[in-house]
Amino acid sequence: MRRRSFALAAAGAALPLGWREALAADVFPARPIQVIVPYAAGGADSYIRPLQPALEKKHGVKLVIESLVGAGGTVGAAKVKRAAPDGYTLLFCGSGALTIAPRLQAGAPVAADFVPLLNLVTIPYLIATKKGSPIRDLRGLVDFIKSRPGALSYGSPGFGSAPHLGMEALARTLGSSVTHIPFSGVATAMQSLLGGHVDALIGAPSTVMPQVEAGTVNAVVVVSKDRFPLAPDVPSLAEAGIDLDVSTHFAFYAPRGTPAPVAARLASVLADAATDPAFRQALEATRTRVDVLPAEVLTRVLAEESARFGPLVATVKS
């Protein structure tokens, strides 16, 4: 702790006087922090709302959460990119907004436009079918896709999303194809599945598992190498010998140029709040796994994801 405090103090010497005083007095941030979530309300914002009580109680930090929808997360990301790099405007988004969306939209913000602070949640994706479907399990899904190219229609949260690309990658791994039906979100895709308008969907466990428990859908597979601990009965692709792992990392970012001591303070209070048992229980109740990763690990994850999806994005664009 002494070495860390010394490092922060040394880095803080280059800050304007007001920031130095705030950090020295342990009062930064001194006002509410605006967090832009670039998706529809009720989605990714639900991962950080349960964090608010611990932030306020333990650190006196208040978050003002704004959902700003548009263009795969790039509208909200652009707003944060333009914000003053003072620690009072942050972005909370899925990794695809910074690794996939910029490949689909010229001029969209990229990961290098931000200072990564902390990964909070990592979401794997489940493929589900409606009860009564002939596709009830992993083997049935693989056989259907391989034997009937293009016949399987599936819903995703949108064109260019990680679930979309994950399903396309699965089909290509099997030497086949599937028919993509994009929706405004996974909730609307689920409605279409339940209505019999698509054969399958790919989405987060928080959307799929309540329907599994209600007896309306089959959870066929988690698109990863390992089973998901919060849905342990669902097999992974590795169990069918398929080497494919698709997850989205939801993390906090600050605008590029945010001073290192400010970023460090923000990352520290966010990480501490994420240890709160009430926060973890709230997320696990929705089949959402808290996965706190520091900035250096998050940076590596973004680079790996960009490299993995790059060739696939180039083909789905056309």
C-alpha atoms as a PDB file:
ATOM      1  CA  MET A   1       0.000   0.000   0.000  1.00  0.00           C
ATOM      2  CA  ARG A   2       2.896   2.413   0.795  1.00  0.00           C
ATOM      3  CA  ARG A   3       4.496   1.802  -2.606  1.00  0.00           C
ATOM      4  CA  ARG A   4       1.122   2.279  -4.317  1.00  0.00           C
ATOM      5  CA  SER A   5       0.420   5.509  -2.421  1.00  0.00           C
ATOM      6  CA  PHE A   6       3.885   6.832  -3.295  1.00  0.00           C
ATOM      7  CA  ALA A   7       3.373   6.008  -6.970  1.00  0.00           C
ATOM      8  CA  LEU A   8       0.001   7.763  -7.027  1.00  0.00           C
ATOM      9  CA  ALA A   9       1.461  10.783  -5.273  1.00  0.00           C
ATOM     10  CA  ALA A  10       4.343  11.002  -7.724  1.00  0.00           C
ATOM     11  CA  ALA A  11       2.044  10.721 -10.711  1.00  0.00           C
ATOM     12  CA  GLY A  12      -0.338  13.222  -9.161  1.00  0.00           C
ATOM     13  CA  ALA A  13       2.366  15.893  -8.963  1.00  0.00           C
ATOM     14  CA  ALA A  14       1.786  16.640 -12.647  1.00  0.00           C
ATOM     15  CA  LEU A  15      -1.932  17.275 -12.143  1.00  0.00           C
ATOM     16  CA  PRO A  16      -3.591  20.701 -11.904  1.00  0.00           C
ATOM     17  CA  LEU A  17      -3.802  22.031  -8.343  1.00  0.00           C
ATOM     18  CA  GLY A  18      -7.510  21.262  -7.881  1.00  0.00           C
ATOM     19  CA  TRP A  19      -7.061  17.595  -8.765  1.00  0.00           C
ATOM     20  CA  ARG A  20      -3.942  17.284  -6.579  1.00  0.00           C
ATOM     21  CA  GLU A  21      -5.832  18.687  -3.604  1.00  0.00           C
ATOM     22  CA  ALA A  22      -8.824  16.422  -4.229  1.00  0.00           C
ATOM     23  CA  LEU A  23      -6.667  13.305  -4.475  1.00  0.00           C
ATOM     24  CA  ALA A  24      -4.587  14.264  -1.436  1.00  0.00           C
ATOM     25  CA  ALA A  25      -7.723  14.806   0.632  1.00  0.00           C
ATOM     26  CA  ASP A  26      -9.185  11.540  -0.611  1.00  0.00           C
ATOM     27  CA  VAL A  27     -12.292  13.360  -1.854  1.00  0.00           C
ATOM     28  CA  PHE A  28     -12.041  12.592  -5.559  1.00  0.00           C
ATOM     29  CA  PRO A  29     -14.540  12.245  -7.049  1.00  0.00           C
ATOM     30  CA  ALA A  30     -16.132  15.259  -5.404  1.00  0.00           C
ATOM     31  CA  ARG A  31     -19.352  15.162  -7.441  1.00  0.00           C
ATOM     32  CA  PRO A  32     -21.500  12.502  -9.136  1.00  0.00           C
ATOM     33  CA  ILE A  33     -19.957  10.609 -12.042  1.00  0.00           C
ATOM     34  CA  GLN A  34     -21.919  10.245 -15.260  1.00  0.00           C
ATOM     35  CA  VAL A  35     -21.747   6.740 -16.712  1.00  0.00           C
ATOM     36  CA  ILE A  36     -22.858   6.354 -20.309  1.00  0.00           C
ATOM     37  CA  VAL A  37     -24.220   2.894 -21.138  1.00  0.00           C
ATOM     38  CA  PRO A  38     -24.594   2.751 -24.943  1.00  0.00           C
ATOM     39  CA  TYR A  39     -27.509   0.301 -25.020  1.00  0.00           C
ATOM     40  CA  ALA A  40     -31.220   0.243 -24.260  1.00  0.00           C
ATOM     41  CA  ALA A  41     -32.204   0.582 -20.618  1.00  0.00           C
ATOM     42  CA  GLY A  42     -32.716  -2.721 -18.861  1.00  0.00           C
ATOM     43  CA  GLY A  43     -29.684  -4.319 -20.460  1.00  0.00           C
ATOM     44  CA  ALA A  44     -26.084  -3.640 -19.501  1.00  0.00           C
ATOM     45  CA  ASP A  45     -27.121  -0.904 -17.073  1.00  0.00           C
ATOM     46  CA  SER A  46     -28.593  -3.659 -14.888  1.00  0.00           C
ATOM     47  CA  TYR A  47     -25.029  -4.848 -14.250  1.00  0.00           C
ATOM     48  CA  ILE A  48     -23.991  -1.590 -12.572  1.00  0.00           C
ATOM     49  CA  ARG A  49     -27.157  -0.347 -10.846  1.00  0.00           C
ATOM     50  CA  PRO A  50     -26.674  -2.892  -8.032  1.00  0.00           C
ATOM     51  CA  LEU A  51     -23.152  -1.474  -7.621  1.00  0.00           C
ATOM     52  CA  GLN A  52     -24.444   1.965  -6.670  1.00  0.00           C
ATOM     53  CA  PRO A  53     -25.292   1.291  -2.987  1.00  0.00           C
ATOM     54  CA  ALA A  54     -21.824  -0.076  -2.201  1.00  0.00           C
ATOM     55  CA  LEU A  55     -20.120   2.809  -4.028  1.00  0.00           C
ATOM     56  CA  GLU A  56     -22.113   5.386  -2.085  1.00  0.00           C
ATOM     57  CA  LYS A  57     -21.872   3.645   1.293  1.00  0.00           C
ATOM     58  CA  LYS A  58     -18.186   2.728   1.162  1.00  0.00           C
ATOM     59  CA  HIS A  59     -16.750   5.580  -0.893  1.00  0.00           C
ATOM     60  CA  GLY A  60     -19.348   8.331  -1.162  1.00  0.00           C
ATOM     61  CA  VAL A  61     -19.299   7.939  -4.949  1.00  0.00           C
ATOM     62  CA  LYS A  62     -22.550   8.519  -6.810  1.00  0.00           C
ATOM     63  CA  LEU A  63     -23.155   7.276 -10.354  1.00  0.00           C
ATOM     64  CA  VAL A  64     -25.617   8.919 -12.722  1.00  0.00           C
ATOM     65  CA  ILE A  65     -26.381   6.282 -15.337  1.00  0.00           C
ATOM     66  CA  GLU A  66     -27.526   7.320 -18.808  1.00  0.00           C
ATOM     67  CA  SER A  67     -28.586   4.844 -21.485  1.00  0.00           C
ATOM     68  CA  LEU A  68     -27.706   6.181 -24.922  1.00  0.00           C
ATOM     69  CA  VAL A  69     -28.685   3.795 -27.718  1.00  0.00           C
ATOM     70  CA  GLY A  70     -27.326   3.690 -31.232  1.00  0.00           C
ATOM     71  CA  ALA A  71     -25.094   2.013 -33.799  1.00  0.00           C
ATOM     72  CA  GLY A  72     -23.930  -0.976 -31.792  1.00  0.00           C
ATOM     73  CA  GLY A  73     -22.807   1.144 -28.863  1.00  0.00           C
ATOM     74  CA  THR A  74     -20.782   3.624 -30.893  1.00  0.00           C
ATOM     75  CA  VAL A  75     -23.086   6.621 -30.300  1.00  0.00           C
ATOM     76  CA  GLY A  76     -22.599   6.437 -26.548  1.00  0.00           C
ATOM     77  CA  ALA A  77     -18.913   5.650 -26.917  1.00  0.00           C
ATOM     78  CA  ALA A  78     -18.462   8.732 -29.110  1.00  0.00           C
ATOM     79  CA  LYS A  79     -20.050  10.939 -26.459  1.00  0.00           C
ATOM     80  CA  VAL A  80     -17.608   9.714 -23.842  1.00  0.00           C
ATOM     81  CA  LYS A  81     -14.692  10.075 -26.256  1.00  0.00           C
ATOM     82  CA  ARG A  82     -15.572  13.775 -26.606  1.00  0.00           C
ATOM     83  CA  ALA A  83     -15.991  14.326 -22.860  1.00  0.00           C
ATOM     84  CA  ALA A  84     -13.447  16.134 -20.713  1.00  0.00           C
ATOM     85  CA  PRO A  85     -10.836  13.662 -19.434  1.00  0.00           C
ATOM     86  CA  ASP A  86     -11.446  14.589 -15.803  1.00  0.00           C
ATOM     87  CA  GLY A  87     -12.851  11.341 -14.428  1.00  0.00           C
ATOM     88  CA  TYR A  88     -16.433  12.587 -14.291  1.00  0.00           C
ATOM     89  CA  THR A  89     -17.698  10.950 -17.508  1.00  0.00           C
ATOM     90  CA  LEU A  90     -17.204   7.227 -17.984  1.00  0.00           C
ATOM     91  CA  LEU A  91     -18.260   4.580 -20.490  1.00  0.00           C
ATOM     92  CA  PHE A  92     -19.626   1.199 -19.453  1.00  0.00           C
ATOM     93  CA  CYS A  93     -19.956  -1.079 -22.451  1.00  0.00           C
ATOM     94  CA  GLY A  94     -19.442  -4.528 -23.859  1.00  0.00           C
ATOM     95  CA  SER A  95     -16.131  -5.211 -25.534  1.00  0.00           C
ATOM     96  CA  GLY A  96     -17.808  -5.582 -28.921  1.00  0.00           C
ATOM     97  CA  ALA A  97     -18.543  -1.847 -28.991  1.00  0.00           C
ATOM     98  CA  LEU A  98     -14.787  -1.235 -29.172  1.00  0.00           C
ATOM     99  CA  THR A  99     -13.581  -4.316 -31.067  1.00  0.00           C
ATOM    100  CA  ILE A 100     -16.348  -5.241 -33.517  1.00  0.00           C
ATOM    101  CA  ALA A 101     -18.431  -2.112 -34.123  1.00  0.00           C
ATOM    102  CA  PRO A 102     -15.468   0.022 -35.297  1.00  0.00           C
ATOM    103  CA  ARG A 103     -14.807  -2.536 -38.058  1.00  0.00           C
ATOM    104  CA  LEU A 104     -18.375  -2.125 -39.266  1.00  0.00           C
ATOM    105  CA  GLN A 105     -18.624   1.673 -39.012  1.00  0.00           C
ATOM    106  CA  ALA A 106     -15.966   4.018 -40.292  1.00  0.00           C
ATOM    107  CA  GLY A 107     -14.922   6.643 -37.759  1.00  0.00           C
ATOM    108  CA  ALA A 108     -16.388   4.850 -34.745  1.00  0.00           C
ATOM    109  CA  PRO A 109     -14.424   5.092 -31.481  1.00  0.00           C
ATOM    110  CA  VAL A 110     -11.871   2.352 -30.860  1.00  0.00           C
ATOM    111  CA  ALA A 111     -10.309   0.969 -27.702  1.00  0.00           C
ATOM    112  CA  ALA A 112      -7.309   3.301 -28.059  1.00  0.00           C
ATOM    113  CA  ASP A 113      -9.647   6.285 -27.576  1.00  0.00           C
ATOM    114  CA  PHE A 114     -10.173   5.300 -23.940  1.00  0.00           C
ATOM    115  CA  VAL A 115      -8.367   4.477 -20.738  1.00  0.00           C
ATOM    116  CA  PRO A 116      -9.511   1.036 -19.566  1.00  0.00           C
ATOM    117  CA  LEU A 117     -10.369   1.048 -15.873  1.00  0.00           C
ATOM    118  CA  LEU A 118     -11.858  -2.282 -14.849  1.00  0.00           C
ATOM    119  CA  ASN A 119     -13.723  -5.247 -16.288  1.00  0.00           C
ATOM    120  CA  LEU A 120     -16.773  -5.930 -14.118  1.00  0.00           C
ATOM    121  CA  VAL A 121     -18.763  -8.703 -15.811  1.00  0.00           C
ATOM    122  CA  THR A 122     -18.000 -11.367 -18.420  1.00  0.00           C
ATOM    123  CA  ILE A 123     -20.963 -12.805 -20.304  1.00  0.00           C
ATOM    124  CA  PRO A 124     -20.862 -16.112 -22.211  1.00  0.00           C
ATOM    125  CA  TYR A 125     -23.678 -16.854 -24.654  1.00  0.00           C
ATOM    126  CA  LEU A 126     -26.228 -19.637 -24.726  1.00  0.00           C
ATOM    127  CA  ILE A 127     -27.980 -21.049 -27.783  1.00  0.00           C
ATOM    128  CA  ALA A 128     -31.602 -21.887 -27.039  1.00  0.00           C
ATOM    129  CA  THR A 129     -34.521 -23.466 -28.896  1.00  0.00           C
ATOM    130  CA  LYS A 130     -38.226 -23.528 -28.126  1.00  0.00           C
ATOM    131  CA  LYS A 131     -39.711 -26.455 -26.252  1.00  0.00           C
ATOM    132  CA  GLY A 132     -41.036 -28.907 -28.809  1.00  0.00           C
ATOM    133  CA  SER A 133     -38.259 -28.126 -31.273  1.00  0.00           C
ATOM    134  CA  PRO A 134     -36.542 -31.124 -32.877  1.00  0.00           C
ATOM    135  CA  ILE A 135     -33.292 -29.482 -31.729  1.00  0.00           C
ATOM    136  CA  ARG A 136     -33.189 -30.279 -28.034  1.00  0.00           C
ATOM    137  CA  ASP A 137     -29.509 -30.775 -27.284  1.00  0.00           C
ATOM    138  CA  LEU A 138     -25.986 -30.067 -28.471  1.00  0.00           C
ATOM    139  CA  ARG A 139     -25.716 -33.104 -30.746  1.00  0.00           C
ATOM    140  CA  GLY A 140     -29.053 -32.272 -32.340  1.00  0.00           C
ATOM    141  CA  LEU A 141     -27.914 -28.695 -33.007  1.00  0.00           C
ATOM    142  CA  VAL A 142     -24.631 -29.760 -34.580  1.00  0.00           C
ATOM    143  CA  ASP A 143     -26.296 -32.392 -36.771  1.00  0.00           C
ATOM    144  CA  PHE A 144     -29.022 -29.960 -37.916  1.00  0.00           C
ATOM    145  CA  ILE A 145     -26.574 -27.216 -38.905  1.00  0.00           C
ATOM    146  CA  LYS A 146     -24.208 -29.608 -40.691  1.00  0.00           C
ATOM    147  CA  SER A 147     -26.909 -31.468 -42.615  1.00  0.00           C
ATOM    148  CA  ARG A 148     -29.114 -28.511 -43.568  1.00  0.00           C
ATOM    149  CA  PRO A 149     -27.049 -25.450 -44.593  1.00  0.00           C
ATOM    150  CA  GLY A 150     -28.972 -22.200 -44.143  1.00  0.00           C
ATOM    151  CA  ALA A 151     -32.059 -23.923 -42.730  1.00  0.00           C
ATOM    152  CA  LEU A 152     -31.620 -22.842 -39.115  1.00  0.00           C
ATOM    153  CA  SER A 153     -32.934 -19.325 -38.489  1.00  0.00           C
ATOM    154  CA  TYR A 154     -31.751 -17.653 -35.313  1.00  0.00           C
ATOM    155  CA  GLY A 155     -32.213 -14.372 -33.514  1.00  0.00           C
ATOM    156  CA  SER A 156     -29.440 -12.251 -32.012  1.00  0.00           C
ATOM    157  CA  PRO A 157     -29.203  -8.849 -30.284  1.00  0.00           C
ATOM    158  CA  GLY A 158     -28.204  -7.300 -33.592  1.00  0.00           C
ATOM    159  CA  PHE A 159     -26.002  -7.330 -36.671  1.00  0.00           C
ATOM    160  CA  GLY A 160     -22.324  -7.268 -35.759  1.00  0.00           C
ATOM    161  CA  SER A 161     -22.924  -8.165 -32.125  1.00  0.00           C
ATOM    162  CA  ALA A 162     -20.737 -10.775 -30.446  1.00  0.00           C
ATOM    163  CA  PRO A 163     -23.633 -13.288 -30.349  1.00  0.00           C
ATOM    164  CA  HIS A 164     -24.198 -12.801 -34.085  1.00  0.00           C
ATOM    165  CA  LEU A 165     -20.551 -13.388 -34.884  1.00  0.00           C
ATOM    166  CA  GLY A 166     -20.353 -16.302 -32.466  1.00  0.00           C
ATOM    167  CA  MET A 167     -23.194 -18.137 -34.195  1.00  0.00           C
ATOM    168  CA  GLU A 168     -21.699 -17.443 -37.619  1.00  0.00           C
ATOM    169  CA  ALA A 169     -18.339 -18.741 -36.405  1.00  0.00           C
ATOM    170  CA  LEU A 170     -19.996 -21.928 -35.163  1.00  0.00           C
ATOM    171  CA  ALA A 171     -21.681 -22.544 -38.516  1.00  0.00           C
ATOM    172  CA  ARG A 172     -18.445 -21.999 -40.405  1.00  0.00           C
ATOM    173  CA  THR A 173     -16.559 -24.277 -38.045  1.00  0.00           C
ATOM    174  CA  LEU A 174     -19.109 -26.950 -38.964  1.00  0.00           C
ATOM    175  CA  GLY A 175     -18.657 -26.229 -42.668  1.00  0.00           C
ATOM    176  CA  SER A 176     -22.206 -24.957 -43.035  1.00  0.00           C
ATOM    177  CA  SER A 177     -24.334 -21.819 -42.724  1.00  0.00           C
ATOM    178  CA  VAL A 178     -27.270 -20.425 -40.739  1.00  0.00           C
ATOM    179  CA  THR A 179     -29.789 -17.640 -41.337  1.00  0.00           C
ATOM    180  CA  HIS A 180     -29.407 -14.591 -39.126  1.00  0.00           C
ATOM    181  CA  ILE A 181     -32.429 -12.552 -37.973  1.00  0.00           C
ATOM    182  CA  PRO A 182     -31.206  -9.437 -36.118  1.00  0.00           C
ATOM    183  CA  PHE A 183     -33.303  -7.855 -33.353  1.00  0.00           C
ATOM    184  CA  SER A 184     -33.037  -4.682 -31.297  1.00  0.00           C
ATOM    185  CA  GLY A 185     -32.067  -6.773 -28.285  1.00  0.00           C
ATOM    186  CA  VAL A 186     -32.081 -10.306 -26.965  1.00  0.00           C
ATOM    187  CA  ALA A 187     -35.423  -9.750 -25.211  1.00  0.00           C
ATOM    188  CA  THR A 188     -37.179  -9.180 -28.529  1.00  0.00           C
ATOM    189  CA  ALA A 189     -35.336 -12.142 -30.020  1.00  0.00           C
ATOM    190  CA  MET A 190     -36.683 -14.268 -27.181  1.00  0.00           C
ATOM    191  CA  GLN A 191     -40.221 -13.106 -27.919  1.00  0.00           C
ATOM    192  CA  SER A 192     -39.767 -14.155 -31.534  1.00  0.00           C
ATOM    193  CA  LEU A 193     -38.431 -17.555 -30.478  1.00  0.00           C
ATOM    194  CA  LEU A 194     -41.381 -18.120 -28.145  1.00  0.00           C
ATOM    195  CA  GLY A 195     -43.720 -17.082 -30.942  1.00  0.00           C
ATOM    196  CA  GLY A 196     -42.196 -19.639 -33.288  1.00  0.00           C
ATOM    197  CA  HIS A 197     -40.809 -17.067 -35.716  1.00  0.00           C
ATOM    198  CA  VAL A 198     -37.173 -18.206 -35.432  1.00  0.00           C
ATOM    199  CA  ASP A 199     -35.725 -21.652 -34.748  1.00  0.00           C
ATOM    200  CA  ALA A 200     -33.162 -20.576 -32.172  1.00  0.00           C
ATOM    201  CA  LEU A 201     -31.553 -17.614 -30.472  1.00  0.00           C
ATOM    202  CA  ILE A 202     -28.185 -16.817 -28.994  1.00  0.00           C
ATOM    203  CA  GLY A 203     -28.133 -14.613 -25.933  1.00  0.00           C
ATOM    204  CA  ALA A 204     -27.000 -14.024 -22.373  1.00  0.00           C
ATOM    205  CA  PRO A 205     -27.818 -16.490 -19.585  1.00  0.00           C
ATOM    206  CA  SER A 206     -29.796 -13.777 -17.790  1.00  0.00           C
ATOM    207  CA  THR A 207     -32.325 -13.865 -20.650  1.00  0.00           C
ATOM    208  CA  VAL A 208     -32.247 -17.552 -21.501  1.00  0.00           C
ATOM    209  CA  MET A 209     -32.201 -19.262 -18.104  1.00  0.00           C
ATOM    210  CA  PRO A 210     -35.469 -17.805 -16.719  1.00  0.00           C
ATOM    211  CA  GLN A 211     -37.254 -19.271 -19.753  1.00  0.00           C
ATOM    212  CA  VAL A 212     -35.475 -22.591 -19.224  1.00  0.00           C
ATOM    213  CA  GLU A 213     -36.707 -22.641 -15.646  1.00  0.00           C
ATOM    214  CA  ALA A 214     -40.201 -21.748 -16.818  1.00  0.00           C
ATOM    215  CA  GLY A 215     -40.128 -24.755 -19.137  1.00  0.00           C
ATOM    216  CA  THR A 216     -40.548 -22.788 -22.349  1.00  0.00           C
ATOM    217  CA  VAL A 217     -37.117 -23.180 -23.990  1.00  0.00           C
ATOM    218  CA  ASN A 218     -34.204 -25.604 -24.170  1.00  0.00           C
ATOM    219  CA  ALA A 219     -30.736 -24.346 -23.258  1.00  0.00           C
ATOM    220  CA  VAL A 220     -28.772 -26.268 -25.871  1.00  0.00           C
ATOM    221  CA  VAL A 221     -25.164 -25.134 -25.402  1.00  0.00           C
ATOM    222  CA  VAL A 222     -22.955 -22.417 -23.973  1.00  0.00           C
ATOM    223  CA  VAL A 223     -20.687 -21.065 -26.715  1.00  0.00           C
ATOM    224  CA  SER A 224     -17.457 -21.513 -24.800  1.00  0.00           C
ATOM    225  CA  LYS A 225     -14.753 -23.997 -23.943  1.00  0.00           C
ATOM    226  CA  ASP A 226     -16.024 -24.519 -20.401  1.00  0.00           C
ATOM    227  CA  ARG A 227     -19.423 -24.846 -18.803  1.00  0.00           C
ATOM    228  CA  PHE A 228     -20.821 -21.676 -17.254  1.00  0.00           C
ATOM    229  CA  PRO A 229     -20.808 -22.001 -13.440  1.00  0.00           C
ATOM    230  CA  LEU A 230     -24.194 -20.260 -13.096  1.00  0.00           C
ATOM    231  CA  ALA A 231     -25.823 -22.678 -15.574  1.00  0.00           C
ATOM    232  CA  PRO A 232     -23.824 -25.842 -14.869  1.00  0.00           C
ATOM    233  CA  ASP A 233     -26.216 -28.261 -16.582  1.00  0.00           C
ATOM    234  CA  VAL A 234     -25.712 -26.652 -20.005  1.00  0.00           C
ATOM    235  CA  PRO A 235     -22.913 -28.333 -22.016  1.00  0.00           C
ATOM    236  CA  SER A 236     -20.104 -26.374 -23.645  1.00  0.00           C
ATOM    237  CA  LEU A 237     -19.030 -26.538 -27.272  1.00  0.00           C
ATOM    238  CA  ALA A 238     -15.812 -28.234 -26.219  1.00  0.00           C
ATOM    239  CA  GLU A 239     -17.898 -31.268 -25.288  1.00  0.00           C
ATOM    240  CA  ALA A 240     -18.672 -31.678 -28.983  1.00  0.00           C
ATOM    241  CA  GLY A 241     -15.011 -31.191 -29.902  1.00  0.00           C
ATOM    242  CA  ILE A 242     -15.547 -27.611 -31.125  1.00  0.00           C
ATOM    243  CA  ASP A 243     -12.852 -25.073 -30.220  1.00  0.00           C
ATOM    244  CA  LEU A 244     -14.833 -21.842 -30.004  1.00  0.00           C
ATOM    245  CA  ASP A 245     -15.181 -19.404 -27.115  1.00  0.00           C
ATOM    246  CA  VAL A 246     -17.376 -16.302 -27.392  1.00  0.00           C
ATOM    247  CA  SER A 247     -17.866 -13.954 -24.465  1.00  0.00           C
ATOM    248  CA  THR A 248     -18.409 -10.235 -23.993  1.00  0.00           C
ATOM    249  CA  HIS A 249     -16.499  -8.294 -21.370  1.00  0.00           C
ATOM    250  CA  PHE A 250     -18.459  -5.419 -19.824  1.00  0.00           C
ATOM    251  CA  ALA A 251     -16.101  -2.830 -18.451  1.00  0.00           C
ATOM    252  CA  PHE A 252     -15.600   0.781 -17.384  1.00  0.00           C
ATOM    253  CA  TYR A 253     -13.561   3.184 -19.505  1.00  0.00           C
ATOM    254  CA  ALA A 254     -12.511   6.827 -19.194  1.00  0.00           C
ATOM    255  CA  PRO A 255     -11.705   9.202 -22.065  1.00  0.00           C
ATOM    256  CA  ARG A 256      -8.142   9.096 -23.328  1.00  0.00           C
ATOM    257  CA  GLY A 257      -6.063  11.695 -21.526  1.00  0.00           C
ATOM    258  CA  THR A 258      -7.559  11.004 -18.109  1.00  0.00           C
ATOM    259  CA  PRO A 259      -4.648  11.369 -15.652  1.00  0.00           C
ATOM    260  CA  ALA A 260      -3.256   8.101 -14.336  1.00  0.00           C
ATOM    261  CA  PRO A 261      -3.907   8.925 -10.645  1.00  0.00           C
ATOM    262  CA  VAL A 262      -7.545   9.727 -11.431  1.00  0.00           C
ATOM    263  CA  ALA A 263      -7.952   6.494 -13.385  1.00  0.00           C
ATOM    264  CA  ALA A 264      -6.281   4.561 -10.568  1.00  0.00           C
ATOM    265  CA  ARG A 265      -8.608   6.060  -7.967  1.00  0.00           C
ATOM    266  CA  LEU A 266     -11.667   5.197 -10.040  1.00  0.00           C
ATOM    267  CA  ALA A 267     -10.492   1.646 -10.678  1.00  0.00           C
ATOM    268  CA  SER A 268      -9.761   1.186  -6.981  1.00  0.00           C
ATOM    269  CA  VAL A 269     -13.180   2.257  -5.718  1.00  0.00           C
ATOM    270  CA  LEU A 270     -14.993   0.291  -8.426  1.00  0.00           C
ATOM    271  CA  ALA A 271     -13.026  -2.861  -7.646  1.00  0.00           C
ATOM    272  CA  ASP A 272     -13.674  -2.488  -3.935  1.00  0.00           C
ATOM    273  CA  ALA A 273     -17.412  -1.946  -4.435  1.00  0.00           C
ATOM    274  CA  ALA A 274     -17.521  -5.066  -6.627  1.00  0.00           C
ATOM    275  CA  THR A 275     -16.483  -7.165  -3.619  1.00  0.00           C
ATOM    276  CA  ASP A 276     -19.708  -6.269  -1.822  1.00  0.00           C
ATOM    277  CA  PRO A 277     -21.691  -9.467  -1.143  1.00  0.00           C
ATOM    278  CA  ALA A 278     -25.043  -7.817  -1.888  1.00  0.00           C
ATOM    279  CA  PHE A 279     -23.798  -6.744  -5.323  1.00  0.00           C
ATOM    280  CA  ARG A 280     -22.526 -10.201  -6.181  1.00  0.00           C
ATOM    281  CA  GLN A 281     -25.698 -11.867  -4.958  1.00  0.00           C
ATOM    282  CA  ALA A 282     -27.836  -9.501  -7.017  1.00  0.00           C
ATOM    283  CA  LEU A 283     -25.952 -10.318 -10.206  1.00  0.00           C
ATOM    284  CA  GLU A 284     -25.699 -14.045  -9.597  1.00  0.00           C
ATOM    285  CA  ALA A 285     -29.451 -14.135  -9.060  1.00  0.00           C
ATOM    286  CA  THR A 286     -29.775 -13.153 -12.717  1.00  0.00           C
ATOM    287  CA  ARG A 287     -27.125 -15.681 -13.865  1.00  0.00           C
ATOM    288  CA  THR A 288     -24.580 -12.888 -14.320  1.00  0.00           C
ATOM    289  CA  ARG A 289     -21.023 -13.592 -13.173  1.00  0.00           C
ATOM    290  CA  VAL A 290     -18.904 -10.854 -11.630  1.00  0.00           C
ATOM    291  CA  ASP A 291     -15.451 -11.053 -13.192  1.00  0.00           C
ATOM    292  CA  VAL A 292     -13.213  -8.225 -12.002  1.00  0.00           C
ATOM    293  CA  LEU A 293     -10.169  -7.840 -14.239  1.00  0.00           C
ATOM    294  CA  PRO A 294      -7.590  -5.034 -13.948  1.00  0.00           C
ATOM    295  CA  ALA A 295      -6.832  -2.619 -16.754  1.00  0.00           C
ATOM    296  CA  GLU A 296      -3.791  -4.488 -18.055  1.00  0.00           C
ATOM    297  CA  VAL A 297      -5.736  -7.741 -18.410  1.00  0.00           C
ATOM    298  CA  LEU A 298      -8.686  -5.945 -19.994  1.00  0.00           C
ATOM    299  CA  THR A 299      -6.358  -4.361 -22.553  1.00  0.00           C
ATOM    300  CA  ARG A 300      -5.050  -7.786 -23.531  1.00  0.00           C
ATOM    301  CA  VAL A 301      -8.571  -9.216 -23.757  1.00  0.00           C
ATOM    302  CA  LEU A 302      -9.629  -6.430 -26.126  1.00  0.00           C
ATOM    303  CA  ALA A 303      -6.638  -7.038 -28.384  1.00  0.00           C
ATOM    304  CA  GLU A 304      -7.299 -10.782 -28.488  1.00  0.00           C
ATOM    305  CA  GLU A 305     -10.991 -10.272 -29.244  1.00  0.00           C
ATOM    306  CA  SER A 306     -10.251  -7.826 -32.017  1.00  0.00           C
ATOM    307  CA  ALA A 307      -7.820 -10.270 -33.621  1.00  0.00           C
ATOM    308  CA  ARG A 308     -10.258 -13.183 -33.283  1.00  0.00           C
ATOM    309  CA  PHE A 309     -13.269 -11.436 -34.786  1.00  0.00           C
ATOM    310  CA  GLY A 310     -11.474  -9.346 -37.398  1.00  0.00           C
ATOM    311  CA  PRO A 311     -11.457 -11.901 -40.239  1.00  0.00           C
ATOM    312  CA  LEU A 312     -15.069 -12.864 -39.549  1.00  0.00           C
ATOM    313  CA  VAL A 313     -16.280  -9.255 -39.491  1.00  0.00           C
ATOM    314  CA  ALA A 314     -14.717  -8.732 -42.906  1.00  0.00           C
ATOM    315  CA  THR A 315     -16.915 -11.497 -44.329  1.00  0.00           C
ATOM    316  CA  VAL A 316     -20.212 -10.594 -42.638  1.00  0.00           C
ATOM    317  CA  LYS A 317     -19.853  -6.989 -43.828  1.00  0.00           C
ATOM    318  CA  SER A 318     -20.364  -8.161 -47.346  1.00  0.00           C
END
